[in-house]
Amino acid sequence: MASRRLFALRPACLPSLPLPSARFRRGRADQHRCLAASAAAVVKGSNKKKKEHATVVSPDRLKKRTRSGAKFDRALYRRYADPVRDHVPVMLGEVLDAFRSLRLRSFVDCTLGAAGHSAAIVEAHPELELYVGMDMDASIHDQARARIEKLLAVDSRGSKLKAYTHVRNFKYIKSVLGGVDENLLDVGVNGILMDLGISSMQVDDSTRGFSVQGDGPLDMRMNPQASLTAEEILNSWPAAEVGKVLREYGEESNWQFIQNQIVEARAQGGLHTTDELVHLVRRASSNSGGRQGWIKTATRVFQALRIAVNDELQTLEQALYACFDCLSSGGRLAVISFHSLEDRIVKQTFLDIIEMSDLEDDDSERPSVESMPEIETKDDEPWSKNRVQGKQGIILTKRPITATTEEEIMNRRVSGDGHRPQTIGPIYSLLHCTEFHMLDRMASRI
């Protein structure tokens, strides 16, 4: 039966495997395999100051530079859509292409969501022997687990395919894999997928407080067991810290005025619901271009708070290091990101590790991905454009790939009063992919 082949890992069974410190990582270049650089979706200025305050690339330019060349298969997306909410997995065709050429014996989905990507990978790779799925949200994990269990019930591989799911943040991937098999970290896994950001299930649930649409508590915790909420930040954090969150995590130009409005709201009892926060932002954005102006501002404010509540950026950096250390030689990591903050971290983390031996005692400016030499693209992988050879691996996407126009239209979210829906905008997702090579994996464990 499927239940005999789908295992749920429990925290008590997992060994404590702490992540290496930044100093340790920088001092041990041989511990990181094929660490590659990915281009972030930002416009680079002509001087250092402009680089520090990079802005998001316009949609038109993004389309011209990085648009996926894959043929859009609507039937494929519909087949693996969320059976309850009919939400399609983001960049599914591109994800399948990224792992298509590999003999994928082991695969880890770090962000289960509705298990659309996982279901597609399991069915596309009959050679798969080990599957591990992770999600920090217990309710989402339970739904995804049920879907994987249903898939295994009709799978013809029998006991050959072992599947595990676990409620855990993806930065603990080493602990999770160590709980599956203590030798797995030495062997490594062939493929890892990270789909960053928030899931549609969390956005659509007003009680979670993630969306500017609908009223709910100012929660925004991806892990419902965590302690910090958006309400605490807005009502208790020092004003300067609130402003810093809006400026750095939301990249909101009107951050100072909104910060002052939040502080004034505290004198009136504070902010406790998403509707109250949306109304505050709307009043503060009265001169910013009508409905679209304040909605975009509110979206940036909500993004900033969500990132702060879940410590997303530092967690992402830790998770990238951990995932790299879990890959086998020749294994691939695919990362789907959704905004420039995530892209910058993916890019800089890859750069720091791939150039580690040079940067150890060098205070000069870090190299850019654009300055790295390109190598020939494989004929059987046309999706991988402008590959770059690194010291210990290959960047498969010098520029991250964006979804097809058809997929963006399919994933477009709308907002309105039910009679005249208005478009908020498409999802500009980006796929980064790297491939790692190492001659002696055991040498990295010494």
Protein backbone atom coordinates (compact mmCIF):
# COMPACT_ATOMS: atom_id res chain seq x y z
CA MET A 1 0.00 0.00 0.00
CA ALA A 2 1.08 3.58 -0.57
CA SER A 3 1.18 4.32 3.14
CA ARG A 4 3.98 1.79 3.51
CA ARG A 5 6.15 3.65 1.04
CA LEU A 6 5.51 7.23 2.12
CA PHE A 7 7.32 8.07 5.31
CA ALA A 8 6.92 11.12 7.51
CA LEU A 9 10.11 12.05 9.31
CA ARG A 10 9.81 13.16 12.92
CA PRO A 11 12.08 15.76 14.56
CA ALA A 12 13.09 13.27 17.27
CA CYS A 13 14.63 11.04 14.59
CA LEU A 14 16.78 13.76 13.09
CA PRO A 15 20.38 14.29 14.14
CA SER A 16 21.52 17.81 14.83
CA LEU A 17 23.65 18.87 11.88
CA PRO A 18 24.41 22.59 12.25
CA LEU A 19 25.24 24.68 9.22
CA PRO A 20 28.87 25.80 8.84
CA SER A 21 29.60 29.32 9.89
CA ALA A 22 30.37 31.98 7.30
CA ARG A 23 34.02 32.06 8.40
CA PHE A 24 34.27 28.26 8.10
CA ARG A 25 32.73 28.35 4.63
CA ARG A 26 35.12 31.03 3.44
CA GLY A 27 38.14 29.19 4.82
CA ARG A 28 37.30 25.79 3.34
CA ALA A 29 36.83 26.16 -0.40
CA ASP A 30 37.13 22.40 -0.89
CA GLN A 31 33.87 21.92 0.97
CA HIS A 32 31.74 23.46 -1.75
CA ARG A 33 31.14 21.92 -5.13
CA CYS A 34 30.59 23.79 -8.32
CA LEU A 35 29.17 26.90 -6.82
CA ALA A 36 27.86 29.05 -9.61
CA ALA A 37 26.60 32.54 -10.23
CA SER A 38 23.17 33.57 -11.37
CA ALA A 39 22.07 36.94 -12.73
CA ALA A 40 19.66 38.85 -10.50
CA ALA A 41 16.77 40.73 -12.07
CA VAL A 42 18.11 44.19 -11.37
CA VAL A 43 19.31 47.11 -13.44
CA LYS A 44 22.97 47.75 -12.74
CA GLY A 45 23.99 51.42 -12.51
CA SER A 46 27.18 52.92 -13.86
CA ASN A 47 28.61 53.56 -10.40
CA LYS A 48 28.80 51.78 -7.05
CA LYS A 49 26.09 53.88 -5.43
CA LYS A 50 23.63 52.95 -8.15
CA LYS A 51 24.49 49.29 -7.73
CA GLU A 52 23.61 49.47 -4.07
CA HIS A 53 20.19 50.88 -4.94
CA ALA A 54 19.39 48.74 -7.96
CA THR A 55 15.82 48.71 -9.21
CA VAL A 56 13.74 45.95 -10.67
CA VAL A 57 14.03 45.43 -14.40
CA SER A 58 11.00 46.63 -16.35
CA PRO A 59 8.71 43.86 -17.64
CA ASP A 60 9.44 44.75 -21.26
CA ARG A 61 13.19 44.52 -20.83
CA LEU A 62 12.83 41.34 -18.79
CA LYS A 63 10.91 39.72 -21.62
CA LYS A 64 13.52 40.66 -24.22
CA ARG A 65 16.49 39.44 -22.21
CA THR A 66 15.47 36.27 -20.41
CA ARG A 67 12.22 34.93 -21.83
CA SER A 68 11.94 31.15 -21.81
CA GLY A 69 12.10 29.64 -25.27
CA ALA A 70 10.17 26.55 -24.22
CA LYS A 71 6.92 25.74 -25.98
CA PHE A 72 4.07 26.24 -23.57
CA ASP A 73 2.16 23.02 -22.90
CA ARG A 74 -1.16 24.01 -21.34
CA ALA A 75 -2.25 20.39 -20.91
CA LEU A 76 0.91 19.66 -18.88
CA TYR A 77 0.22 22.52 -16.48
CA ARG A 78 -3.42 21.57 -16.10
CA ARG A 79 -2.50 17.96 -15.41
CA TYR A 80 -0.40 18.92 -12.40
CA ALA A 81 -2.51 21.85 -11.20
CA ASP A 82 -3.69 21.94 -7.61
CA PRO A 83 -6.81 19.71 -7.72
CA VAL A 84 -8.55 21.88 -5.10
CA ARG A 85 -7.61 25.44 -6.11
CA ASP A 86 -6.73 24.80 -9.75
CA HIS A 87 -3.46 26.70 -9.29
CA VAL A 88 -0.79 25.62 -11.76
CA PRO A 89 2.82 25.01 -10.60
CA VAL A 90 5.12 27.84 -11.61
CA MET A 91 7.52 27.23 -14.52
CA LEU A 92 6.74 23.52 -14.57
CA GLY A 93 7.98 23.00 -18.13
CA GLU A 94 11.29 24.72 -17.39
CA VAL A 95 11.76 22.74 -14.17
CA LEU A 96 11.21 19.45 -16.00
CA ASP A 97 13.70 20.54 -18.68
CA ALA A 98 16.31 21.36 -16.03
CA PHE A 99 16.29 17.75 -14.77
CA ARG A 100 15.32 15.93 -17.98
CA SER A 101 18.85 14.90 -19.02
CA LEU A 102 19.79 13.56 -15.58
CA ARG A 103 19.45 9.99 -14.42
CA LEU A 104 17.54 11.16 -11.39
CA ARG A 105 17.80 8.47 -8.71
CA SER A 106 17.24 10.89 -5.82
CA PHE A 107 15.32 14.16 -5.68
CA VAL A 108 14.44 16.70 -2.98
CA ASP A 109 11.60 19.21 -3.25
CA CYS A 110 12.44 21.82 -0.61
CA THR A 111 9.12 23.63 -1.00
CA LEU A 112 6.29 21.14 -1.43
CA GLY A 113 3.40 23.55 -1.79
CA ALA A 114 0.61 21.71 -3.62
CA ALA A 115 3.13 19.06 -4.77
CA GLY A 116 2.65 19.91 -8.45
CA HIS A 117 6.37 20.00 -9.22
CA SER A 118 6.97 16.85 -7.18
CA ALA A 119 4.22 14.87 -8.88
CA ALA A 120 5.56 15.83 -12.31
CA ILE A 121 9.15 14.91 -11.42
CA VAL A 122 8.14 11.54 -9.95
CA GLU A 123 6.19 10.60 -13.06
CA ALA A 124 8.82 11.94 -15.47
CA HIS A 125 11.65 9.91 -13.92
CA PRO A 126 10.83 6.17 -13.67
CA GLU A 127 14.39 5.58 -12.47
CA LEU A 128 13.73 7.59 -9.29
CA GLU A 129 14.45 5.59 -6.14
CA LEU A 130 14.34 8.23 -3.40
CA TYR A 131 12.04 11.23 -3.06
CA VAL A 132 12.06 13.72 -0.17
CA GLY A 133 9.56 16.56 0.19
CA MET A 134 9.73 19.41 2.71
CA ASP A 135 7.49 22.28 3.77
CA MET A 136 7.52 24.32 6.96
CA ASP A 137 3.73 24.79 6.92
CA ALA A 138 2.08 21.74 8.49
CA SER A 139 -1.31 22.25 6.82
CA ILE A 140 0.24 22.57 3.38
CA HIS A 141 2.47 19.57 4.07
CA ASP A 142 -0.53 17.41 4.94
CA GLN A 143 -2.30 18.26 1.68
CA ALA A 144 0.84 17.66 -0.37
CA ARG A 145 1.51 14.39 1.42
CA ALA A 146 -1.99 13.17 0.56
CA ARG A 147 -1.36 13.96 -3.10
CA ILE A 148 2.00 12.15 -3.15
CA GLU A 149 0.42 9.20 -1.35
CA LYS A 150 -2.31 9.02 -3.98
CA LEU A 151 0.32 9.11 -6.72
CA LEU A 152 2.30 6.29 -5.12
CA ALA A 153 -0.82 4.15 -4.84
CA VAL A 154 -0.94 3.79 -8.62
CA ASP A 155 2.82 3.84 -9.22
CA SER A 156 4.23 0.69 -10.81
CA ARG A 157 7.64 0.82 -9.12
CA GLY A 158 6.47 -0.88 -5.97
CA SER A 159 8.95 -0.72 -3.10
CA LYS A 160 11.73 0.51 -5.41
CA LEU A 161 10.65 4.11 -4.86
CA LYS A 162 10.91 5.29 -1.26
CA ALA A 163 9.26 8.60 -0.45
CA TYR A 164 9.59 10.76 2.64
CA THR A 165 7.88 13.99 3.61
CA HIS A 166 8.70 16.25 6.51
CA VAL A 167 7.49 19.49 8.12
CA ARG A 168 10.74 21.46 8.21
CA ASN A 169 12.31 24.63 6.86
CA PHE A 170 14.51 23.98 3.84
CA LYS A 171 17.60 25.34 5.59
CA TYR A 172 17.56 22.07 7.59
CA ILE A 173 17.87 19.88 4.50
CA LYS A 174 21.07 18.28 5.83
CA SER A 175 19.31 17.18 9.01
CA VAL A 176 16.36 15.84 7.05
CA LEU A 177 18.53 13.81 4.68
CA GLY A 178 20.63 12.58 7.59
CA GLY A 179 17.42 11.28 9.16
CA VAL A 180 16.55 9.39 5.97
CA ASP A 181 19.96 7.72 5.67
CA GLU A 182 23.12 8.57 7.57
CA ASN A 183 25.17 7.77 4.45
CA LEU A 184 23.08 9.92 2.11
CA LEU A 185 25.10 13.07 2.77
CA ASP A 186 28.26 11.30 1.63
CA VAL A 187 26.66 10.04 -1.56
CA GLY A 188 24.62 13.17 -2.27
CA VAL A 189 21.34 13.63 -4.12
CA ASN A 190 20.98 14.14 -7.87
CA GLY A 191 18.44 16.95 -7.90
CA ILE A 192 17.09 19.66 -5.60
CA LEU A 193 14.32 22.18 -6.28
CA MET A 194 13.65 25.38 -4.32
CA ASP A 195 10.49 27.33 -5.20
CA LEU A 196 10.89 30.50 -3.16
CA GLY A 197 8.30 32.91 -1.86
CA ILE A 198 4.79 32.29 -0.67
CA SER A 199 2.40 29.63 -1.92
CA SER A 200 -0.99 30.42 -3.46
CA MET A 201 -2.65 28.39 -0.71
CA GLN A 202 -1.24 30.76 1.91
CA VAL A 203 -2.18 33.85 -0.11
CA ASP A 204 -5.75 32.66 -0.66
CA ASP A 205 -6.32 31.98 3.05
CA SER A 206 -7.27 35.35 4.55
CA THR A 207 -6.69 34.03 8.08
CA ARG A 208 -2.96 33.87 7.35
CA GLY A 209 -2.73 37.61 6.65
CA PHE A 210 -0.56 37.44 3.53
CA SER A 211 -2.85 39.12 1.00
CA VAL A 212 -3.93 42.70 0.44
CA GLN A 213 -7.30 41.27 -0.61
CA GLY A 214 -9.72 40.22 2.10
CA ASP A 215 -9.55 40.97 5.80
CA GLY A 216 -7.65 38.90 8.32
CA PRO A 217 -5.20 39.06 11.22
CA LEU A 218 -1.77 40.59 10.68
CA ASP A 219 -0.03 37.24 10.98
CA MET A 220 2.12 36.42 7.91
CA ARG A 221 3.92 33.46 9.50
CA MET A 222 4.82 30.74 7.01
CA ASN A 223 5.40 28.48 9.99
CA PRO A 224 2.31 28.87 12.18
CA GLN A 225 4.37 27.69 15.18
CA ALA A 226 6.75 30.66 14.97
CA SER A 227 6.36 33.47 17.49
CA LEU A 228 6.93 36.71 15.56
CA THR A 229 3.96 38.19 13.64
CA ALA A 230 3.48 41.24 11.42
CA GLU A 231 1.23 42.73 14.09
CA GLU A 232 4.09 42.72 16.58
CA ILE A 233 6.42 44.44 14.11
CA LEU A 234 3.90 47.17 13.29
CA ASN A 235 2.86 47.88 16.89
CA SER A 236 5.97 47.14 18.95
CA TRP A 237 9.16 47.54 16.94
CA PRO A 238 11.03 50.88 17.08
CA ALA A 239 9.98 53.26 14.32
CA ALA A 240 13.46 53.19 12.77
CA GLU A 241 13.33 49.39 12.50
CA VAL A 242 9.90 49.51 10.87
CA GLY A 243 11.20 52.03 8.36
CA LYS A 244 14.23 49.85 7.65
CA VAL A 245 11.96 46.88 6.94
CA LEU A 246 9.88 48.91 4.46
CA ARG A 247 12.97 50.38 2.78
CA GLU A 248 15.16 47.30 2.52
CA TYR A 249 12.66 44.45 2.22
CA GLY A 250 9.90 46.25 0.32
CA GLU A 251 12.12 48.64 -1.64
CA GLU A 252 9.37 51.20 -1.03
CA SER A 253 10.32 54.76 -2.01
CA ASN A 254 7.63 56.27 0.24
CA TRP A 255 8.81 54.28 3.25
CA GLN A 256 9.39 57.22 5.60
CA PHE A 257 5.89 58.64 5.26
CA ILE A 258 4.30 55.20 5.68
CA GLN A 259 6.52 54.60 8.71
CA ASN A 260 5.24 57.82 10.30
CA GLN A 261 1.64 56.84 9.56
CA ILE A 262 2.19 53.50 11.27
CA VAL A 263 3.62 55.22 14.35
CA GLU A 264 0.64 57.60 14.46
CA ALA A 265 -1.73 54.63 14.21
CA ARG A 266 -0.25 53.23 17.42
CA ALA A 267 -1.67 56.19 19.33
CA GLN A 268 -5.12 55.22 18.05
CA GLY A 269 -4.85 51.63 19.25
CA GLY A 270 -2.47 50.21 16.68
CA LEU A 271 -2.94 48.01 13.62
CA HIS A 272 -4.44 44.54 14.05
CA THR A 273 -5.95 43.46 10.73
CA THR A 274 -4.83 43.41 7.11
CA ASP A 275 -7.76 45.64 6.20
CA GLU A 276 -6.56 48.32 8.63
CA LEU A 277 -3.07 48.18 7.12
CA VAL A 278 -4.41 48.36 3.56
CA HIS A 279 -6.52 51.42 4.43
CA LEU A 280 -3.47 53.09 5.99
CA VAL A 281 -1.38 52.46 2.89
CA ARG A 282 -4.20 53.66 0.65
CA ARG A 283 -4.43 56.94 2.53
CA ALA A 284 -0.65 57.33 2.44
CA SER A 285 -0.63 56.66 -1.32
CA SER A 286 -3.46 58.98 -2.32
CA ASN A 287 -1.25 60.75 -4.88
CA SER A 288 0.48 57.69 -6.34
CA GLY A 289 -1.59 56.96 -9.43
CA GLY A 290 -4.99 55.67 -8.40
CA ARG A 291 -5.89 52.08 -7.62
CA GLN A 292 -2.87 50.52 -9.26
CA GLY A 293 -0.57 52.89 -7.36
CA TRP A 294 -1.78 52.06 -3.87
CA ILE A 295 -2.15 48.35 -4.61
CA LYS A 296 1.47 48.16 -5.71
CA THR A 297 2.54 50.09 -2.62
CA ALA A 298 0.47 47.82 -0.38
CA THR A 299 1.98 44.76 -2.06
CA ARG A 300 5.49 46.05 -1.34
CA VAL A 301 4.57 46.78 2.30
CA PHE A 302 3.09 43.30 2.76
CA GLN A 303 6.15 41.74 1.11
CA ALA A 304 8.47 43.64 3.44
CA LEU A 305 6.61 42.54 6.55
CA ARG A 306 6.41 38.92 5.38
CA ILE A 307 10.15 38.80 4.74
CA ALA A 308 10.87 40.25 8.18
CA VAL A 309 8.46 37.91 9.97
CA ASN A 310 9.96 34.81 8.37
CA ASP A 311 13.58 36.01 8.15
CA GLU A 312 13.41 34.90 4.52
CA LEU A 313 16.60 36.41 3.13
CA GLN A 314 19.05 35.07 5.71
CA THR A 315 17.22 31.73 5.66
CA LEU A 316 17.61 31.59 1.88
CA GLU A 317 21.35 32.14 2.08
CA GLN A 318 21.74 29.40 4.68
CA ALA A 319 19.57 27.06 2.64
CA LEU A 320 21.62 27.60 -0.53
CA TYR A 321 24.83 26.61 1.25
CA ALA A 322 23.11 23.58 2.77
CA CYS A 323 21.65 22.46 -0.57
CA PHE A 324 25.02 22.73 -2.30
CA ASP A 325 26.55 20.51 0.33
CA CYS A 326 23.87 17.86 -0.27
CA LEU A 327 24.35 17.53 -4.04
CA SER A 328 26.14 14.62 -5.66
CA SER A 329 28.79 15.20 -8.31
CA GLY A 330 26.88 16.07 -11.46
CA GLY A 331 23.78 16.95 -9.45
CA ARG A 332 21.66 19.98 -10.17
CA LEU A 333 19.96 22.65 -8.10
CA ALA A 334 17.06 24.65 -9.57
CA VAL A 335 15.85 27.77 -7.76
CA ILE A 336 12.70 29.70 -8.66
CA SER A 337 12.73 33.27 -7.35
CA PHE A 338 10.14 36.04 -7.58
CA HIS A 339 11.77 39.37 -6.78
CA SER A 340 15.09 41.15 -6.96
CA LEU A 341 15.97 40.65 -3.28
CA GLU A 342 15.90 36.87 -3.70
CA ASP A 343 17.77 37.09 -7.01
CA ARG A 344 20.58 39.14 -5.49
CA ILE A 345 21.07 36.62 -2.71
CA VAL A 346 21.10 33.67 -5.10
CA LYS A 347 23.58 35.49 -7.30
CA GLN A 348 25.92 36.70 -4.56
CA THR A 349 25.88 33.43 -2.62
CA PHE A 350 26.83 31.52 -5.76
CA LEU A 351 29.54 34.08 -6.54
CA ASP A 352 31.00 34.03 -3.03
CA ILE A 353 31.44 30.28 -3.06
CA ILE A 354 32.64 29.77 -6.61
CA GLU A 355 35.33 32.44 -6.20
CA MET A 356 36.10 31.62 -2.57
CA SER A 357 39.81 30.86 -2.98
CA ASP A 358 40.37 34.24 -4.66
CA LEU A 359 38.23 36.26 -2.27
CA GLU A 360 39.72 34.78 0.89
CA ASP A 361 42.36 37.52 1.25
CA ASP A 362 41.14 39.91 -1.41
CA ASP A 363 39.13 42.98 -0.53
CA SER A 364 38.62 43.99 -4.17
CA GLU A 365 35.17 44.24 -5.71
CA ARG A 366 33.54 40.87 -6.29
CA PRO A 367 33.34 39.65 -9.87
CA SER A 368 30.07 39.86 -11.77
CA VAL A 369 28.44 37.01 -13.61
CA GLU A 370 28.63 39.06 -16.81
CA SER A 371 32.43 39.03 -16.63
CA MET A 372 32.65 35.23 -16.52
CA PRO A 373 33.50 33.37 -19.76
CA GLU A 374 30.73 31.49 -21.53
CA ILE A 375 30.92 27.91 -22.75
CA GLU A 376 29.01 26.17 -25.49
CA THR A 377 25.42 25.18 -24.79
CA LYS A 378 24.54 21.52 -25.18
CA ASP A 379 22.44 20.79 -28.25
CA ASP A 380 20.03 18.64 -26.25
CA GLU A 381 19.43 21.41 -23.67
CA PRO A 382 18.53 24.55 -25.64
CA TRP A 383 16.84 25.99 -22.53
CA SER A 384 20.27 26.43 -20.95
CA LYS A 385 21.55 29.58 -22.64
CA ASN A 386 24.95 31.17 -22.13
CA ARG A 387 26.47 28.59 -19.80
CA VAL A 388 29.39 29.70 -17.65
CA GLN A 389 32.20 27.44 -16.49
CA GLY A 390 33.11 27.98 -12.87
CA LYS A 391 36.02 26.58 -10.90
CA GLN A 392 34.00 23.72 -9.51
CA GLY A 393 30.95 23.56 -11.73
CA ILE A 394 28.79 25.06 -14.44
CA ILE A 395 26.22 27.83 -14.38
CA LEU A 396 23.45 26.51 -16.58
CA THR A 397 21.60 29.84 -16.71
CA LYS A 398 23.92 32.85 -16.91
CA ARG A 399 20.75 34.90 -16.94
CA PRO A 400 17.84 33.35 -15.04
CA ILE A 401 14.97 32.24 -17.27
CA THR A 402 11.53 33.84 -17.03
CA ALA A 403 8.28 32.03 -17.67
CA THR A 404 6.59 32.05 -21.04
CA THR A 405 4.07 34.77 -21.81
CA GLU A 406 1.29 32.16 -21.86
CA GLU A 407 2.15 30.97 -18.36
CA GLU A 408 2.22 34.51 -17.00
CA ILE A 409 -1.26 35.08 -18.37
CA MET A 410 -2.44 31.82 -16.81
CA ASN A 411 -0.97 32.77 -13.43
CA ARG A 412 -2.13 36.39 -13.56
CA ARG A 413 -3.90 37.48 -10.39
CA VAL A 414 -6.79 39.94 -10.49
CA SER A 415 -8.43 42.16 -7.94
CA GLY A 416 -11.74 43.99 -7.99
CA ASP A 417 -15.26 44.23 -6.66
CA GLY A 418 -16.46 41.09 -8.44
CA HIS A 419 -17.99 43.04 -11.33
CA ARG A 420 -14.97 44.79 -12.80
CA PRO A 421 -11.84 42.83 -11.88
CA GLN A 422 -8.60 44.73 -12.33
CA THR A 423 -5.24 43.18 -13.01
CA ILE A 424 -2.60 43.43 -10.32
CA GLY A 425 0.00 41.98 -12.63
CA PRO A 426 1.59 38.76 -13.81
CA ILE A 427 3.99 36.67 -11.80
CA TYR A 428 7.50 37.34 -13.06
CA SER A 429 9.20 34.18 -11.92
CA LEU A 430 12.86 33.42 -12.59
CA LEU A 431 14.57 30.05 -12.83
CA HIS A 432 18.21 29.73 -11.80
CA CYS A 433 19.96 26.43 -12.38
CA THR A 434 23.46 25.14 -11.65
CA GLU A 435 25.30 21.85 -12.10
CA PHE A 436 28.03 20.68 -9.76
CA HIS A 437 31.09 18.49 -10.30
CA MET A 438 33.58 17.11 -7.81
CA LEU A 439 36.37 14.61 -8.33
CA ASP A 440 36.54 13.36 -4.77
CA ARG A 441 33.42 13.97 -2.74
CA MET A 442 34.84 12.41 0.40
CA ALA A 443 37.67 14.94 0.39
CA SER A 444 35.10 17.64 1.14
CA ARG A 445 34.13 15.89 4.38
CA ILE A 446 37.62 15.93 5.88
